[in-house]
Amino acid sequence: GNGKFDMLIFDLINSKVQREDGLEFTVEDFI
């Protein structure tokens, strides 16, 4: 579909690169 053209993933939390940089976002933060 259109997904193969999409450029960015917005609002992703708890990713490996975030954790490695010390960024923490909980489910509650997201809500």
PDB file of all heavy atoms in Angstrom:
ATOM      1  N   GLY A   1       0.797  -1.212   0.000  1.00  0.00           N
ATOM      2  CA  GLY A   1       0.000   0.000   0.000  1.00  0.00           C
ATOM      3  C   GLY A   1       0.833   1.266   0.000  1.00  0.00           C
ATOM      4  O   GLY A   1       1.886   1.349  -0.646  1.00  0.00           O
ATOM      5  N   ASN A   2       0.345   2.269   0.724  1.00  0.00           N
ATOM      6  CA  ASN A   2       1.083   3.524   0.824  1.00  0.00           C
ATOM      7  C   ASN A   2       2.234   3.434   1.821  1.00  0.00           C
ATOM      8  O   ASN A   2       3.103   4.299   1.862  1.00  0.00           O
ATOM      9  CB  ASN A   2       0.141   4.663   1.238  1.00  0.00           C
ATOM     10  CG  ASN A   2       0.569   5.994   0.677  1.00  0.00           C
ATOM     11  OD1 ASN A   2       0.833   6.109  -0.511  1.00  0.00           O
ATOM     12  ND2 ASN A   2       0.641   7.016   1.521  1.00  0.00           N
ATOM     13  N   GLY A   3       2.244   2.352   2.615  1.00  0.00           N
ATOM     14  CA  GLY A   3       3.262   2.220   3.646  1.00  0.00           C
ATOM     15  C   GLY A   3       4.677   2.195   3.106  1.00  0.00           C
ATOM     16  O   GLY A   3       5.604   2.688   3.757  1.00  0.00           O
ATOM     17  N   LYS A   4       4.854   1.619   1.916  1.00  0.00           N
ATOM     18  CA  LYS A   4       6.203   1.519   1.363  1.00  0.00           C
ATOM     19  C   LYS A   4       6.780   2.881   0.994  1.00  0.00           C
ATOM     20  O   LYS A   4       7.984   3.014   0.786  1.00  0.00           O
ATOM     21  CB  LYS A   4       6.222   0.583   0.154  1.00  0.00           C
ATOM     22  CG  LYS A   4       5.296   0.962  -0.973  1.00  0.00           C
ATOM     23  CD  LYS A   4       5.310  -0.093  -2.082  1.00  0.00           C
ATOM     24  CE  LYS A   4       4.273   0.190  -3.159  1.00  0.00           C
ATOM     25  NZ  LYS A   4       2.896  -0.093  -2.668  1.00  0.00           N
ATOM     26  N   PHE A   5       5.902   3.905   0.893  1.00  0.00           N
ATOM     27  CA  PHE A   5       6.371   5.251   0.592  1.00  0.00           C
ATOM     28  C   PHE A   5       6.589   6.088   1.851  1.00  0.00           C
ATOM     29  O   PHE A   5       7.193   7.164   1.785  1.00  0.00           O
ATOM     30  CB  PHE A   5       5.358   5.996  -0.290  1.00  0.00           C
ATOM     31  CG  PHE A   5       5.041   5.298  -1.577  1.00  0.00           C
ATOM     32  CD1 PHE A   5       3.798   4.743  -1.793  1.00  0.00           C
ATOM     33  CD2 PHE A   5       5.990   5.203  -2.582  1.00  0.00           C
ATOM     34  CE1 PHE A   5       3.498   4.108  -2.982  1.00  0.00           C
ATOM     35  CE2 PHE A   5       5.700   4.574  -3.779  1.00  0.00           C
ATOM     36  CZ  PHE A   5       4.451   4.022  -3.979  1.00  0.00           C
ATOM     37  N   ASP A   6       6.055   5.633   2.983  1.00  0.00           N
ATOM     38  CA  ASP A   6       6.111   6.458   4.186  1.00  0.00           C
ATOM     39  C   ASP A   6       7.549   6.682   4.631  1.00  0.00           C
ATOM     40  O   ASP A   6       8.401   5.794   4.537  1.00  0.00           O
ATOM     41  CB  ASP A   6       5.303   5.813   5.312  1.00  0.00           C
ATOM     42  CG  ASP A   6       3.856   6.270   5.299  1.00  0.00           C
ATOM     43  OD1 ASP A   6       3.599   7.404   5.711  1.00  0.00           O
ATOM     44  OD2 ASP A   6       2.995   5.488   4.854  1.00  0.00           O
ATOM     45  N   MET A   7       7.780   7.865   5.128  1.00  0.00           N
ATOM     46  CA  MET A   7       9.146   8.275   5.423  1.00  0.00           C
ATOM     47  C   MET A   7       9.531   8.060   6.876  1.00  0.00           C
ATOM     48  O   MET A   7      10.652   7.650   7.175  1.00  0.00           O
ATOM     49  CB  MET A   7       9.310   9.753   5.068  1.00  0.00           C
ATOM     50  CG  MET A   7       8.985  10.033   3.609  1.00  0.00           C
ATOM     51  SD  MET A   7       8.904  11.812   3.293  1.00  0.00           S
ATOM     52  CE  MET A   7       8.523  11.782   1.534  1.00  0.00           C
ATOM     53  N   LEU A   8       8.593   8.322   7.774  1.00  0.00           N
ATOM     54  CA  LEU A   8       8.921   8.393   9.191  1.00  0.00           C
ATOM     55  C   LEU A   8       7.953   7.566  10.016  1.00  0.00           C
ATOM     56  O   LEU A   8       6.802   7.350   9.630  1.00  0.00           O
ATOM     57  CB  LEU A   8       8.858   9.844   9.672  1.00  0.00           C
ATOM     58  CG  LEU A   8       9.601  10.880   8.820  1.00  0.00           C
ATOM     59  CD1 LEU A   8       9.207  12.274   9.252  1.00  0.00           C
ATOM     60  CD2 LEU A   8      11.105  10.687   8.919  1.00  0.00           C
ATOM     61  N   ILE A   9       8.426   7.122  11.166  1.00  0.00           N
ATOM     62  CA  ILE A   9       7.576   6.530  12.195  1.00  0.00           C
ATOM     63  C   ILE A   9       7.505   7.537  13.337  1.00  0.00           C
ATOM     64  O   ILE A   9       8.502   7.810  14.010  1.00  0.00           O
ATOM     65  CB  ILE A   9       8.141   5.195  12.709  1.00  0.00           C
ATOM     66  CG1 ILE A   9       8.046   4.111  11.646  1.00  0.00           C
ATOM     67  CG2 ILE A   9       7.407   4.760  13.965  1.00  0.00           C
ATOM     68  CD1 ILE A   9       6.690   3.483  11.492  1.00  0.00           C
ATOM     69  N   PHE A  10       6.331   8.118  13.535  1.00  0.00           N
ATOM     70  CA  PHE A  10       6.158   9.103  14.595  1.00  0.00           C
ATOM     71  C   PHE A  10       5.768   8.426  15.911  1.00  0.00           C
ATOM     72  O   PHE A  10       5.189   7.341  15.929  1.00  0.00           O
ATOM     73  CB  PHE A  10       5.062  10.107  14.215  1.00  0.00           C
ATOM     74  CG  PHE A  10       5.388  10.963  13.030  1.00  0.00           C
ATOM     75  CD1 PHE A  10       4.833  10.683  11.788  1.00  0.00           C
ATOM     76  CD2 PHE A  10       6.243  12.050  13.142  1.00  0.00           C
ATOM     77  CE1 PHE A  10       5.118  11.469  10.687  1.00  0.00           C
ATOM     78  CE2 PHE A  10       6.548  12.837  12.043  1.00  0.00           C
ATOM     79  CZ  PHE A  10       5.989  12.551  10.815  1.00  0.00           C
ATOM     80  N   ASP A  11       6.071   9.100  17.011  1.00  0.00           N
ATOM     81  CA  ASP A  11       5.583   8.695  18.337  1.00  0.00           C
ATOM     82  C   ASP A  11       5.946   7.266  18.722  1.00  0.00           C
ATOM     83  O   ASP A  11       5.170   6.580  19.378  1.00  0.00           O
ATOM     84  CB  ASP A  11       4.050   8.853  18.406  1.00  0.00           C
ATOM     85  CG  ASP A  11       3.643  10.254  18.817  1.00  0.00           C
ATOM     86  OD1 ASP A  11       4.524  11.022  19.210  1.00  0.00           O
ATOM     87  OD2 ASP A  11       2.449  10.569  18.725  1.00  0.00           O
ATOM     88  N   LEU A  12       7.095   6.810  18.309  1.00  0.00           N
ATOM     89  CA  LEU A  12       7.539   5.472  18.707  1.00  0.00           C
ATOM     90  C   LEU A  12       8.253   5.577  20.049  1.00  0.00           C
ATOM     91  O   LEU A  12       9.135   6.419  20.229  1.00  0.00           O
ATOM     92  CB  LEU A  12       8.488   4.900  17.647  1.00  0.00           C
ATOM     93  CG  LEU A  12       8.955   3.457  17.873  1.00  0.00           C
ATOM     94  CD1 LEU A  12       7.768   2.504  17.855  1.00  0.00           C
ATOM     95  CD2 LEU A  12       9.975   3.065  16.809  1.00  0.00           C
ATOM     96  N   ILE A  13       7.869   4.727  20.988  1.00  0.00           N
ATOM     97  CA  ILE A  13       8.470   4.766  22.322  1.00  0.00           C
ATOM     98  C   ILE A  13       9.116   3.422  22.640  1.00  0.00           C
ATOM     99  O   ILE A  13       8.786   2.398  22.041  1.00  0.00           O
ATOM    100  CB  ILE A  13       7.440   5.137  23.408  1.00  0.00           C
ATOM    101  CG1 ILE A  13       6.284   4.135  23.446  1.00  0.00           C
ATOM    102  CG2 ILE A  13       6.907   6.546  23.174  1.00  0.00           C
ATOM    103  CD1 ILE A  13       5.306   4.363  24.590  1.00  0.00           C
ATOM    104  N   ASN A  14      10.052   3.472  23.585  1.00  0.00           N
ATOM    105  CA  ASN A  14      10.759   2.277  24.049  1.00  0.00           C
ATOM    106  C   ASN A  14      11.559   1.617  22.935  1.00  0.00           C
ATOM    107  O   ASN A  14      11.726   0.397  22.903  1.00  0.00           O
ATOM    108  CB  ASN A  14       9.781   1.261  24.653  1.00  0.00           C
ATOM    109  CG  ASN A  14      10.496   0.144  25.390  1.00  0.00           C
ATOM    110  OD1 ASN A  14      11.457   0.380  26.126  1.00  0.00           O
ATOM    111  ND2 ASN A  14      10.048  -1.085  25.186  1.00  0.00           N
ATOM    112  N   SER A  15      12.100   2.408  22.026  1.00  0.00           N
ATOM    113  CA  SER A  15      12.931   1.825  20.976  1.00  0.00           C
ATOM    114  C   SER A  15      14.337   1.577  21.505  1.00  0.00           C
ATOM    115  O   SER A  15      14.765   2.167  22.502  1.00  0.00           O
ATOM    116  CB  SER A  15      12.997   2.752  19.765  1.00  0.00           C
ATOM    117  OG  SER A  15      13.767   3.907  20.055  1.00  0.00           O
ATOM    118  N   LYS A  16      15.052   0.712  20.824  1.00  0.00           N
ATOM    119  CA  LYS A  16      16.417   0.363  21.235  1.00  0.00           C
ATOM    120  C   LYS A  16      17.306   1.605  21.257  1.00  0.00           C
ATOM    121  O   LYS A  16      18.075   1.805  22.209  1.00  0.00           O
ATOM    122  CB  LYS A  16      16.977  -0.672  20.263  1.00  0.00           C
ATOM    123  CG  LYS A  16      18.397  -1.142  20.570  1.00  0.00           C
ATOM    124  CD  LYS A  16      18.784  -2.276  19.623  1.00  0.00           C
ATOM    125  CE  LYS A  16      20.185  -2.796  19.921  1.00  0.00           C
ATOM    126  NZ  LYS A  16      21.236  -1.844  19.518  1.00  0.00           N
ATOM    127  N   VAL A  17      17.198   2.449  20.223  1.00  0.00           N
ATOM    128  CA  VAL A  17      18.079   3.626  20.171  1.00  0.00           C
ATOM    129  C   VAL A  17      17.706   4.652  21.232  1.00  0.00           C
ATOM    130  O   VAL A  17      18.583   5.349  21.758  1.00  0.00           O
ATOM    131  CB  VAL A  17      18.058   4.260  18.765  1.00  0.00           C
ATOM    132  CG1 VAL A  17      18.774   3.363  17.770  1.00  0.00           C
ATOM    133  CG2 VAL A  17      16.644   4.569  18.292  1.00  0.00           C
ATOM    134  N   GLN A  18      16.423   4.739  21.581  1.00  0.00           N
ATOM    135  CA  GLN A  18      16.034   5.631  22.673  1.00  0.00           C
ATOM    136  C   GLN A  18      16.621   5.155  23.997  1.00  0.00           C
ATOM    137  O   GLN A  18      17.177   5.952  24.765  1.00  0.00           O
ATOM    138  CB  GLN A  18      14.512   5.708  22.775  1.00  0.00           C
ATOM    139  CG  GLN A  18      13.831   6.505  21.689  1.00  0.00           C
ATOM    140  CD  GLN A  18      12.318   6.360  21.751  1.00  0.00           C
ATOM    141  OE1 GLN A  18      11.789   5.307  22.137  1.00  0.00           O
ATOM    142  NE2 GLN A  18      11.603   7.409  21.366  1.00  0.00           N
ATOM    143  N   ARG A  19      16.481   3.861  24.247  1.00  0.00           N
ATOM    144  CA  ARG A  19      16.983   3.325  25.510  1.00  0.00           C
ATOM    145  C   ARG A  19      18.497   3.498  25.619  1.00  0.00           C
ATOM    146  O   ARG A  19      19.024   3.805  26.691  1.00  0.00           O
ATOM    147  CB  ARG A  19      16.611   1.845  25.648  1.00  0.00           C
ATOM    148  CG  ARG A  19      15.111   1.589  25.771  1.00  0.00           C
ATOM    149  CD  ARG A  19      14.827   0.170  26.267  1.00  0.00           C
ATOM    150  NE  ARG A  19      15.454  -0.849  25.432  1.00  0.00           N
ATOM    151  CZ  ARG A  19      14.908  -1.385  24.343  1.00  0.00           C
ATOM    152  NH1 ARG A  19      13.709  -0.972  23.941  1.00  0.00           N
ATOM    153  NH2 ARG A  19      15.532  -2.310  23.651  1.00  0.00           N
ATOM    154  N   GLU A  20      19.194   3.295  24.511  1.00  0.00           N
ATOM    155  CA  GLU A  20      20.646   3.457  24.530  1.00  0.00           C
ATOM    156  C   GLU A  20      21.056   4.893  24.842  1.00  0.00           C
ATOM    157  O   GLU A  20      22.128   5.125  25.412  1.00  0.00           O
ATOM    158  CB  GLU A  20      21.227   3.033  23.173  1.00  0.00           C
ATOM    159  CG  GLU A  20      21.184   1.534  22.936  1.00  0.00           C
ATOM    160  CD  GLU A  20      21.645   1.154  21.531  1.00  0.00           C
ATOM    161  OE1 GLU A  20      21.759   2.060  20.670  1.00  0.00           O
ATOM    162  OE2 GLU A  20      21.873  -0.051  21.296  1.00  0.00           O
ATOM    163  N   ASP A  21      20.185   5.842  24.498  1.00  0.00           N
ATOM    164  CA  ASP A  21      20.467   7.248  24.787  1.00  0.00           C
ATOM    165  C   ASP A  21      19.850   7.712  26.107  1.00  0.00           C
ATOM    166  O   ASP A  21      19.878   8.904  26.424  1.00  0.00           O
ATOM    167  CB  ASP A  21      19.944   8.125  23.649  1.00  0.00           C
ATOM    168  CG  ASP A  21      20.849   8.083  22.437  1.00  0.00           C
ATOM    169  OD1 ASP A  21      21.964   7.531  22.538  1.00  0.00           O
ATOM    170  OD2 ASP A  21      20.440   8.590  21.371  1.00  0.00           O
ATOM    171  N   GLY A  22      19.286   6.776  26.846  1.00  0.00           N
ATOM    172  CA  GLY A  22      18.735   7.111  28.153  1.00  0.00           C
ATOM    173  C   GLY A  22      17.375   7.777  28.116  1.00  0.00           C
ATOM    174  O   GLY A  22      16.938   8.341  29.135  1.00  0.00           O
ATOM    175  N   LEU A  23      16.687   7.743  26.985  1.00  0.00           N
ATOM    176  CA  LEU A  23      15.340   8.315  26.885  1.00  0.00           C
ATOM    177  C   LEU A  23      14.309   7.273  27.292  1.00  0.00           C
ATOM    178  O   LEU A  23      14.285   6.174  26.741  1.00  0.00           O
ATOM    179  CB  LEU A  23      15.055   8.780  25.457  1.00  0.00           C
ATOM    180  CG  LEU A  23      15.679  10.104  25.011  1.00  0.00           C
ATOM    181  CD1 LEU A  23      15.364  10.340  23.545  1.00  0.00           C
ATOM    182  CD2 LEU A  23      15.151  11.252  25.844  1.00  0.00           C
ATOM    183  N   GLU A  24      13.464   7.609  28.236  1.00  0.00           N
ATOM    184  CA  GLU A  24      12.453   6.674  28.703  1.00  0.00           C
ATOM    185  C   GLU A  24      11.070   7.286  28.550  1.00  0.00           C
ATOM    186  O   GLU A  24      10.804   8.382  29.045  1.00  0.00           O
ATOM    187  CB  GLU A  24      12.702   6.301  30.167  1.00  0.00           C
ATOM    188  CG  GLU A  24      13.994   5.517  30.400  1.00  0.00           C
ATOM    189  CD  GLU A  24      14.133   5.067  31.846  1.00  0.00           C
ATOM    190  OE1 GLU A  24      13.147   5.228  32.610  1.00  0.00           O
ATOM    191  OE2 GLU A  24      15.207   4.563  32.201  1.00  0.00           O
ATOM    192  N   PHE A  25      10.213   6.552  27.843  1.00  0.00           N
ATOM    193  CA  PHE A  25       8.809   6.948  27.694  1.00  0.00           C
ATOM    194  C   PHE A  25       7.956   5.745  28.064  1.00  0.00           C
ATOM    195  O   PHE A  25       8.099   4.667  27.482  1.00  0.00           O
ATOM    196  CB  PHE A  25       8.502   7.368  26.251  1.00  0.00           C
ATOM    197  CG  PHE A  25       9.285   8.565  25.785  1.00  0.00           C
ATOM    198  CD1 PHE A  25      10.434   8.411  25.023  1.00  0.00           C
ATOM    199  CD2 PHE A  25       8.871   9.846  26.115  1.00  0.00           C
ATOM    200  CE1 PHE A  25      11.154   9.505  24.594  1.00  0.00           C
ATOM    201  CE2 PHE A  25       9.595  10.950  25.692  1.00  0.00           C
ATOM    202  CZ  PHE A  25      10.742  10.785  24.932  1.00  0.00           C
ATOM    203  N   THR A  26       7.089   5.919  29.021  1.00  0.00           N
ATOM    204  CA  THR A  26       6.243   4.819  29.463  1.00  0.00           C
ATOM    205  C   THR A  26       4.925   4.820  28.714  1.00  0.00           C
ATOM    206  O   THR A  26       4.580   5.788  28.023  1.00  0.00           O
ATOM    207  CB  THR A  26       5.954   4.938  30.966  1.00  0.00           C
ATOM    208  OG1 THR A  26       5.143   6.109  31.188  1.00  0.00           O
ATOM    209  CG2 THR A  26       7.244   5.036  31.776  1.00  0.00           C
ATOM    210  N   VAL A  27       4.192   3.727  28.875  1.00  0.00           N
ATOM    211  CA  VAL A  27       2.839   3.640  28.303  1.00  0.00           C
ATOM    212  C   VAL A  27       1.970   4.763  28.864  1.00  0.00           C
ATOM    213  O   VAL A  27       1.192   5.390  28.131  1.00  0.00           O
ATOM    214  CB  VAL A  27       2.227   2.261  28.615  1.00  0.00           C
ATOM    215  CG1 VAL A  27       0.734   2.241  28.282  1.00  0.00           C
ATOM    216  CG2 VAL A  27       2.950   1.169  27.839  1.00  0.00           C
ATOM    217  N   GLU A  28       2.133   5.041  30.145  1.00  0.00           N
ATOM    218  CA  GLU A  28       1.348   6.102  30.779  1.00  0.00           C
ATOM    219  C   GLU A  28       1.685   7.466  30.176  1.00  0.00           C
ATOM    220  O   GLU A  28       0.795   8.309  29.979  1.00  0.00           O
ATOM    221  CB  GLU A  28       1.600   6.118  32.284  1.00  0.00           C
ATOM    222  CG  GLU A  28       1.022   4.917  33.039  1.00  0.00           C
ATOM    223  CD  GLU A  28       1.752   3.614  32.749  1.00  0.00           C
ATOM    224  OE1 GLU A  28       2.968   3.670  32.405  1.00  0.00           O
ATOM    225  OE2 GLU A  28       1.109   2.544  32.857  1.00  0.00           O
ATOM    226  N   ASP A  29       2.969   7.700  29.892  1.00  0.00           N
ATOM    227  CA  ASP A  29       3.366   8.953  29.244  1.00  0.00           C
ATOM    228  C   ASP A  29       2.671   9.112  27.900  1.00  0.00           C
ATOM    229  O   ASP A  29       2.208  10.210  27.552  1.00  0.00           O
ATOM    230  CB  ASP A  29       4.888   8.987  29.032  1.00  0.00           C
ATOM    231  CG  ASP A  29       5.667   9.069  30.326  1.00  0.00           C
ATOM    232  OD1 ASP A  29       5.119   9.585  31.310  1.00  0.00           O
ATOM    233  OD2 ASP A  29       6.828   8.595  30.340  1.00  0.00           O
ATOM    234  N   PHE A  30       2.636   8.026  27.160  1.00  0.00           N
ATOM    235  CA  PHE A  30       2.020   8.054  25.832  1.00  0.00           C
ATOM    236  C   PHE A  30       0.531   8.371  25.941  1.00  0.00           C
ATOM    237  O   PHE A  30       0.003   9.211  25.203  1.00  0.00           O
ATOM    238  CB  PHE A  30       2.217   6.710  25.128  1.00  0.00           C
ATOM    239  CG  PHE A  30       1.782   6.691  23.681  1.00  0.00           C
ATOM    240  CD1 PHE A  30       2.703   6.862  22.673  1.00  0.00           C
ATOM    241  CD2 PHE A  30       0.456   6.508  23.339  1.00  0.00           C
ATOM    242  CE1 PHE A  30       2.315   6.848  21.332  1.00  0.00           C
ATOM    243  CE2 PHE A  30       0.051   6.497  22.014  1.00  0.00           C
ATOM    244  CZ  PHE A  30       0.988   6.670  21.009  1.00  0.00           C
ATOM    245  N   ILE A  31      -0.139   7.709  26.872  1.00  0.00           N
ATOM    246  CA  ILE A  31      -1.579   7.925  27.043  1.00  0.00           C
ATOM    247  C   ILE A  31      -1.861   9.387  27.389  1.00  0.00           C
ATOM    248  O   ILE A  31      -2.770  10.012  26.830  1.00  0.00           O
ATOM    249  CB  ILE A  31      -2.134   6.987  28.132  1.00  0.00           C
ATOM    250  CG1 ILE A  31      -2.082   5.528  27.653  1.00  0.00           C
ATOM    251  CG2 ILE A  31      -3.564   7.374  28.504  1.00  0.00           C
ATOM    252  CD1 ILE A  31      -2.429   4.511  28.708  1.00  0.00           C
TER     253      ILE A  31
END
